[in-house]
N, C-alpha and C. Protein backbone atom coordinates (compact mmCIF):
# COMPACT_ATOMS: atom_id res chain seq x y z
N UNK A 1 95.32 77.52 125.03
CA UNK A 1 95.50 77.51 123.72
C UNK A 1 95.50 78.96 123.16
N UNK A 2 96.37 79.10 122.04
CA UNK A 2 96.33 80.42 121.30
C UNK A 2 96.14 80.13 119.90
N UNK A 3 95.18 81.04 119.33
CA UNK A 3 94.82 80.99 117.92
C UNK A 3 95.36 82.20 117.21
N UNK A 4 95.94 82.04 116.13
CA UNK A 4 96.63 83.08 115.38
C UNK A 4 96.25 82.99 113.84
N UNK A 5 95.76 84.31 113.34
CA UNK A 5 95.27 84.32 112.04
C UNK A 5 96.03 85.46 111.40
N UNK A 6 96.62 85.04 110.25
CA UNK A 6 97.43 86.12 109.47
C UNK A 6 96.62 86.67 108.32
N UNK A 7 96.95 87.86 107.91
CA UNK A 7 96.32 88.41 106.84
C UNK A 7 97.44 89.44 106.15
N UNK A 8 97.20 89.76 104.84
CA UNK A 8 97.94 90.83 104.35
C UNK A 8 99.02 90.55 103.24
N UNK A 9 99.12 89.20 103.03
CA UNK A 9 100.04 88.68 102.02
C UNK A 9 99.47 89.00 100.51
N UNK A 10 100.37 88.70 99.62
CA UNK A 10 100.01 88.98 98.25
C UNK A 10 101.19 89.18 97.39
N UNK A 11 100.93 89.62 96.04
CA UNK A 11 101.97 89.71 95.06
C UNK A 11 102.38 91.26 94.98
N UNK A 12 103.65 91.45 94.97
CA UNK A 12 104.05 92.90 95.00
C UNK A 12 105.40 92.84 94.02
N UNK A 13 105.75 94.01 93.49
CA UNK A 13 106.89 94.07 92.65
C UNK A 13 108.09 94.41 93.47
N UNK A 14 109.26 94.09 93.01
CA UNK A 14 110.57 94.40 93.70
C UNK A 14 110.56 95.87 93.99
N UNK A 15 110.89 96.26 95.27
CA UNK A 15 110.91 97.63 95.76
C UNK A 15 109.72 98.06 96.43
N UNK A 16 108.64 97.23 96.34
CA UNK A 16 107.35 97.57 96.95
C UNK A 16 107.24 97.22 98.39
N UNK A 17 106.05 97.52 98.97
CA UNK A 17 105.70 97.29 100.32
C UNK A 17 104.50 96.39 100.52
N UNK A 18 104.53 95.73 101.66
CA UNK A 18 103.35 94.99 102.13
C UNK A 18 103.32 95.05 103.63
N UNK A 19 102.09 94.91 104.26
CA UNK A 19 101.97 94.93 105.74
C UNK A 19 101.22 93.75 106.04
N UNK A 20 101.77 92.83 106.94
CA UNK A 20 101.20 91.69 107.34
C UNK A 20 100.60 91.90 108.76
N UNK A 21 99.44 91.30 108.99
CA UNK A 21 98.80 91.44 110.27
C UNK A 21 98.56 89.98 110.87
N UNK A 22 98.60 89.85 112.12
CA UNK A 22 98.24 88.63 112.85
C UNK A 22 97.54 88.87 114.05
N UNK A 23 96.23 88.41 114.07
CA UNK A 23 95.39 88.59 115.18
C UNK A 23 95.44 87.28 116.03
N UNK A 24 95.76 87.56 117.35
CA UNK A 24 95.90 86.43 118.35
C UNK A 24 94.55 86.40 119.07
N UNK A 25 94.11 85.24 119.59
CA UNK A 25 92.99 85.05 120.41
C UNK A 25 93.33 83.85 121.33
N UNK A 26 92.47 83.79 122.43
CA UNK A 26 92.72 82.69 123.30
C UNK A 26 93.56 83.23 124.52
N UNK A 27 94.41 82.32 124.97
CA UNK A 27 95.25 82.56 126.09
C UNK A 27 96.44 83.43 125.74
N UNK A 28 96.27 84.62 125.26
CA UNK A 28 97.23 85.42 124.82
C UNK A 28 98.12 85.95 125.95
N UNK A 29 97.43 85.93 127.21
CA UNK A 29 98.22 86.56 128.27
C UNK A 29 99.50 85.67 128.50
N UNK A 30 99.56 84.41 128.11
CA UNK A 30 100.57 83.46 128.22
C UNK A 30 101.82 83.78 127.43
N UNK A 31 101.64 84.47 126.37
CA UNK A 31 102.63 84.81 125.31
C UNK A 31 103.73 85.60 125.88
N UNK A 32 105.00 85.26 125.78
CA UNK A 32 106.04 86.13 126.16
C UNK A 32 106.61 86.91 125.02
N UNK A 33 106.25 86.42 123.75
CA UNK A 33 106.73 87.22 122.61
C UNK A 33 105.91 86.73 121.43
N UNK A 34 105.92 87.46 120.28
CA UNK A 34 105.22 87.13 119.11
C UNK A 34 106.23 87.49 118.02
N UNK A 35 106.08 86.81 116.87
CA UNK A 35 107.00 87.02 115.79
C UNK A 35 106.51 86.55 114.42
N UNK A 36 107.40 86.65 113.51
CA UNK A 36 107.17 86.32 112.13
C UNK A 36 108.26 85.38 111.62
N UNK A 37 108.02 84.30 111.04
CA UNK A 37 109.02 83.41 110.34
C UNK A 37 108.58 83.25 109.02
N UNK A 38 109.46 82.70 108.08
CA UNK A 38 109.12 82.51 106.74
C UNK A 38 109.75 81.30 106.24
N UNK A 39 109.15 80.69 105.31
CA UNK A 39 109.68 79.46 104.61
C UNK A 39 109.52 79.59 103.09
N UNK A 40 110.58 79.59 102.45
CA UNK A 40 110.64 79.48 101.00
C UNK A 40 110.57 78.08 100.50
N UNK A 41 110.35 77.86 99.33
CA UNK A 41 110.24 76.50 98.73
C UNK A 41 111.67 75.88 98.84
N UNK A 42 111.77 74.69 99.37
CA UNK A 42 113.00 73.93 99.43
C UNK A 42 113.93 74.52 100.54
N UNK A 43 113.45 75.27 101.44
CA UNK A 43 114.22 75.85 102.42
C UNK A 43 113.63 75.65 103.85
N UNK A 44 114.27 75.73 104.99
CA UNK A 44 113.77 75.54 106.28
C UNK A 44 113.01 76.91 106.73
N UNK A 45 112.24 76.72 107.59
CA UNK A 45 111.59 77.90 108.26
C UNK A 45 112.65 78.67 108.94
N UNK A 46 112.56 80.03 108.73
CA UNK A 46 113.55 80.94 109.35
C UNK A 46 112.95 82.13 110.00
N UNK A 47 113.64 82.64 111.07
CA UNK A 47 113.23 83.84 111.76
C UNK A 47 113.24 85.02 110.94
N UNK A 48 112.18 85.76 111.03
CA UNK A 48 112.17 87.16 110.29
C UNK A 48 112.37 88.28 111.36
N UNK A 49 111.48 88.16 112.37
CA UNK A 49 111.47 89.17 113.37
C UNK A 49 110.67 88.77 114.51
N UNK A 50 111.01 89.12 115.81
CA UNK A 50 110.19 88.92 116.92
C UNK A 50 110.09 90.09 117.78
N UNK A 51 109.13 90.15 118.64
CA UNK A 51 108.92 91.34 119.56
C UNK A 51 108.38 90.82 120.90
N UNK A 52 108.98 91.13 121.93
CA UNK A 52 108.60 90.60 123.33
C UNK A 52 107.35 91.32 123.84
N UNK A 53 106.83 90.92 124.90
CA UNK A 53 105.78 91.62 125.50
C UNK A 53 106.12 93.12 125.91
N UNK A 54 107.45 93.20 126.31
CA UNK A 54 107.90 94.47 126.63
C UNK A 54 108.41 95.40 125.50
N UNK A 55 108.35 94.84 124.33
CA UNK A 55 108.62 95.72 123.16
C UNK A 55 110.02 95.54 122.48
N UNK A 56 110.82 94.64 123.06
CA UNK A 56 112.14 94.38 122.57
C UNK A 56 112.07 93.68 121.25
N UNK A 57 112.68 94.14 120.29
CA UNK A 57 112.61 93.51 118.95
C UNK A 57 113.92 92.88 118.50
N UNK A 58 113.84 91.98 117.59
CA UNK A 58 114.96 91.22 117.14
C UNK A 58 114.60 91.00 115.66
N UNK A 59 115.61 91.08 114.74
CA UNK A 59 115.44 90.94 113.29
C UNK A 59 116.55 90.08 112.65
N UNK A 60 116.07 89.35 111.62
CA UNK A 60 117.14 88.63 110.91
C UNK A 60 117.97 89.66 110.15
N UNK A 61 119.29 89.42 109.97
CA UNK A 61 120.07 90.45 109.26
C UNK A 61 119.68 90.80 107.86
N UNK A 62 119.00 89.85 107.24
CA UNK A 62 118.52 89.94 105.89
C UNK A 62 117.36 90.98 105.79
N UNK A 63 116.74 91.38 106.88
CA UNK A 63 115.63 92.31 106.74
C UNK A 63 115.82 93.45 107.55
N UNK A 64 116.88 93.58 108.31
CA UNK A 64 117.16 94.82 109.17
C UNK A 64 117.12 96.06 108.21
N UNK A 65 116.54 97.03 108.75
CA UNK A 65 116.43 98.30 107.88
C UNK A 65 115.34 98.32 106.88
N UNK A 66 114.74 97.08 106.62
CA UNK A 66 113.61 97.13 105.60
C UNK A 66 112.38 96.64 106.27
N UNK A 67 112.31 95.94 107.21
CA UNK A 67 111.11 95.35 107.86
C UNK A 67 111.03 95.84 109.30
N UNK A 68 109.78 96.17 109.74
CA UNK A 68 109.53 96.65 111.09
C UNK A 68 108.45 95.96 111.77
N UNK A 69 108.69 95.35 112.84
CA UNK A 69 107.69 94.50 113.69
C UNK A 69 107.08 95.42 114.76
N UNK A 70 105.79 95.36 114.95
CA UNK A 70 105.11 96.02 115.95
C UNK A 70 104.04 95.24 116.40
N UNK A 71 103.32 95.76 117.65
CA UNK A 71 102.24 94.99 118.18
C UNK A 71 101.42 95.82 118.99
N UNK A 72 100.22 95.40 119.04
CA UNK A 72 99.21 95.88 120.02
C UNK A 72 98.92 94.74 121.05
N UNK A 73 97.99 94.91 121.85
CA UNK A 73 97.67 93.86 122.97
C UNK A 73 97.40 92.49 122.27
N UNK A 74 96.79 92.35 121.13
CA UNK A 74 96.46 91.09 120.53
C UNK A 74 96.75 91.04 119.11
N UNK A 75 97.49 91.90 118.48
CA UNK A 75 97.85 91.90 117.14
C UNK A 75 99.27 92.28 116.86
N UNK A 76 99.98 91.40 116.05
CA UNK A 76 101.32 91.78 115.63
C UNK A 76 101.38 92.03 114.19
N UNK A 77 102.17 93.06 113.79
CA UNK A 77 102.25 93.53 112.45
C UNK A 77 103.59 93.44 111.94
N UNK A 78 103.80 93.23 110.65
CA UNK A 78 105.16 93.27 110.03
C UNK A 78 105.08 94.14 108.82
N UNK A 79 105.60 95.38 108.94
CA UNK A 79 105.71 96.29 107.72
C UNK A 79 106.83 95.85 106.93
N UNK A 80 106.72 95.55 105.73
CA UNK A 80 107.77 95.16 104.92
C UNK A 80 107.95 96.09 103.71
N UNK A 81 109.10 96.75 103.65
CA UNK A 81 109.43 97.70 102.68
C UNK A 81 110.67 97.19 101.79
N UNK A 82 110.88 97.94 100.66
CA UNK A 82 111.91 97.68 99.79
C UNK A 82 111.97 96.10 99.64
N UNK A 83 110.94 95.51 99.34
CA UNK A 83 110.96 94.06 99.07
C UNK A 83 111.82 93.58 97.91
N UNK A 84 112.41 92.44 98.06
CA UNK A 84 113.16 91.74 97.20
C UNK A 84 112.65 90.36 96.80
N UNK A 85 113.03 89.87 95.64
CA UNK A 85 112.52 88.55 95.17
C UNK A 85 112.88 87.46 96.18
N UNK A 86 113.95 87.57 96.85
CA UNK A 86 114.36 86.63 97.91
C UNK A 86 113.52 86.73 99.07
N UNK A 87 112.65 87.65 99.23
CA UNK A 87 111.75 87.62 100.40
C UNK A 87 110.51 86.89 100.17
N UNK A 88 110.37 86.35 98.89
CA UNK A 88 109.21 85.41 98.53
C UNK A 88 109.34 84.25 99.42
N UNK A 89 108.10 84.00 100.10
CA UNK A 89 108.03 82.88 100.99
C UNK A 89 106.64 82.86 101.55
N UNK A 90 106.26 81.79 102.30
CA UNK A 90 105.10 81.74 103.18
C UNK A 90 105.49 82.28 104.50
N UNK A 91 104.74 83.33 104.98
CA UNK A 91 105.09 83.99 106.23
C UNK A 91 104.14 83.46 107.37
N UNK A 92 104.72 83.01 108.40
CA UNK A 92 104.01 82.45 109.55
C UNK A 92 104.09 83.37 110.80
N UNK A 93 102.93 83.61 111.31
CA UNK A 93 102.94 84.34 112.64
C UNK A 93 103.10 83.23 113.77
N UNK A 94 103.90 83.76 114.81
CA UNK A 94 104.20 82.75 115.94
C UNK A 94 103.90 83.44 117.21
N UNK A 95 103.26 82.73 118.10
CA UNK A 95 103.16 83.11 119.50
C UNK A 95 103.99 82.27 120.32
N UNK A 96 104.81 82.89 121.12
CA UNK A 96 105.88 82.20 121.84
C UNK A 96 105.62 82.32 123.39
N UNK A 97 105.87 81.14 123.97
CA UNK A 97 105.78 81.05 125.47
C UNK A 97 107.23 80.50 125.81
N UNK A 98 108.06 81.42 126.16
CA UNK A 98 109.48 80.95 126.56
C UNK A 98 110.19 80.28 125.28
N UNK A 99 111.26 79.67 125.47
CA UNK A 99 111.93 79.02 124.29
C UNK A 99 111.40 77.75 123.82
N UNK A 100 110.45 77.16 124.54
CA UNK A 100 109.97 75.72 124.19
C UNK A 100 108.59 75.60 123.73
N UNK A 101 107.75 76.63 123.70
CA UNK A 101 106.47 76.44 123.41
C UNK A 101 106.02 77.53 122.41
N UNK A 102 105.45 77.06 121.14
CA UNK A 102 105.07 78.04 120.25
C UNK A 102 103.75 77.58 119.62
N UNK A 103 103.08 78.63 119.19
CA UNK A 103 101.75 78.45 118.51
C UNK A 103 102.01 79.13 117.12
N UNK A 104 101.40 78.49 116.10
CA UNK A 104 101.59 78.95 114.66
C UNK A 104 100.24 79.25 113.96
N UNK A 105 100.32 80.30 113.09
CA UNK A 105 99.20 80.60 112.30
C UNK A 105 99.36 79.69 110.97
N UNK A 106 98.32 79.74 110.05
CA UNK A 106 98.36 78.95 108.96
C UNK A 106 99.17 79.52 107.84
N UNK A 107 99.69 80.63 107.93
CA UNK A 107 100.70 81.22 106.88
C UNK A 107 99.92 82.03 105.87
N UNK A 108 100.79 82.97 105.31
CA UNK A 108 100.31 83.81 104.26
C UNK A 108 101.43 84.03 103.25
N UNK A 109 100.95 83.90 101.97
CA UNK A 109 102.01 83.77 100.87
C UNK A 109 102.39 85.25 100.54
N UNK A 110 103.62 85.47 100.47
CA UNK A 110 104.21 86.72 99.94
C UNK A 110 105.09 86.46 98.68
N UNK A 111 104.71 87.12 97.63
CA UNK A 111 105.44 86.76 96.32
C UNK A 111 106.04 88.09 95.86
N UNK A 112 107.32 88.31 95.58
CA UNK A 112 107.85 89.45 95.15
C UNK A 112 108.38 89.22 93.76
N UNK A 113 107.80 89.94 92.70
CA UNK A 113 108.17 89.68 91.35
C UNK A 113 109.39 90.61 91.02
N UNK A 114 110.31 90.06 90.15
CA UNK A 114 111.41 90.84 89.74
C UNK A 114 111.14 91.63 88.50
């Protein structure tokens, strides 16, 4: 089992920045990647960014150039810059074991005011 706890969400104005953190515990050695997903009201959960154990990153087109994902051994971060109202969502941390197994945090709310 893997436990994930997010922190760092909040309210920010358009153009501002926030940094999300996700602390992982448990069997983290099993994780092949970690990432961030988000879900806005009335929308499906979508990929924001992922980072593999080896450091390879992948970003949604909508956040490229504005968001940066990084990690240490047991923590993954999401630096979010130049935030837009459309970035408003609940952000979820994910721990991934291959394509079929995932663990999820409880989510943290990010609200960008216009």
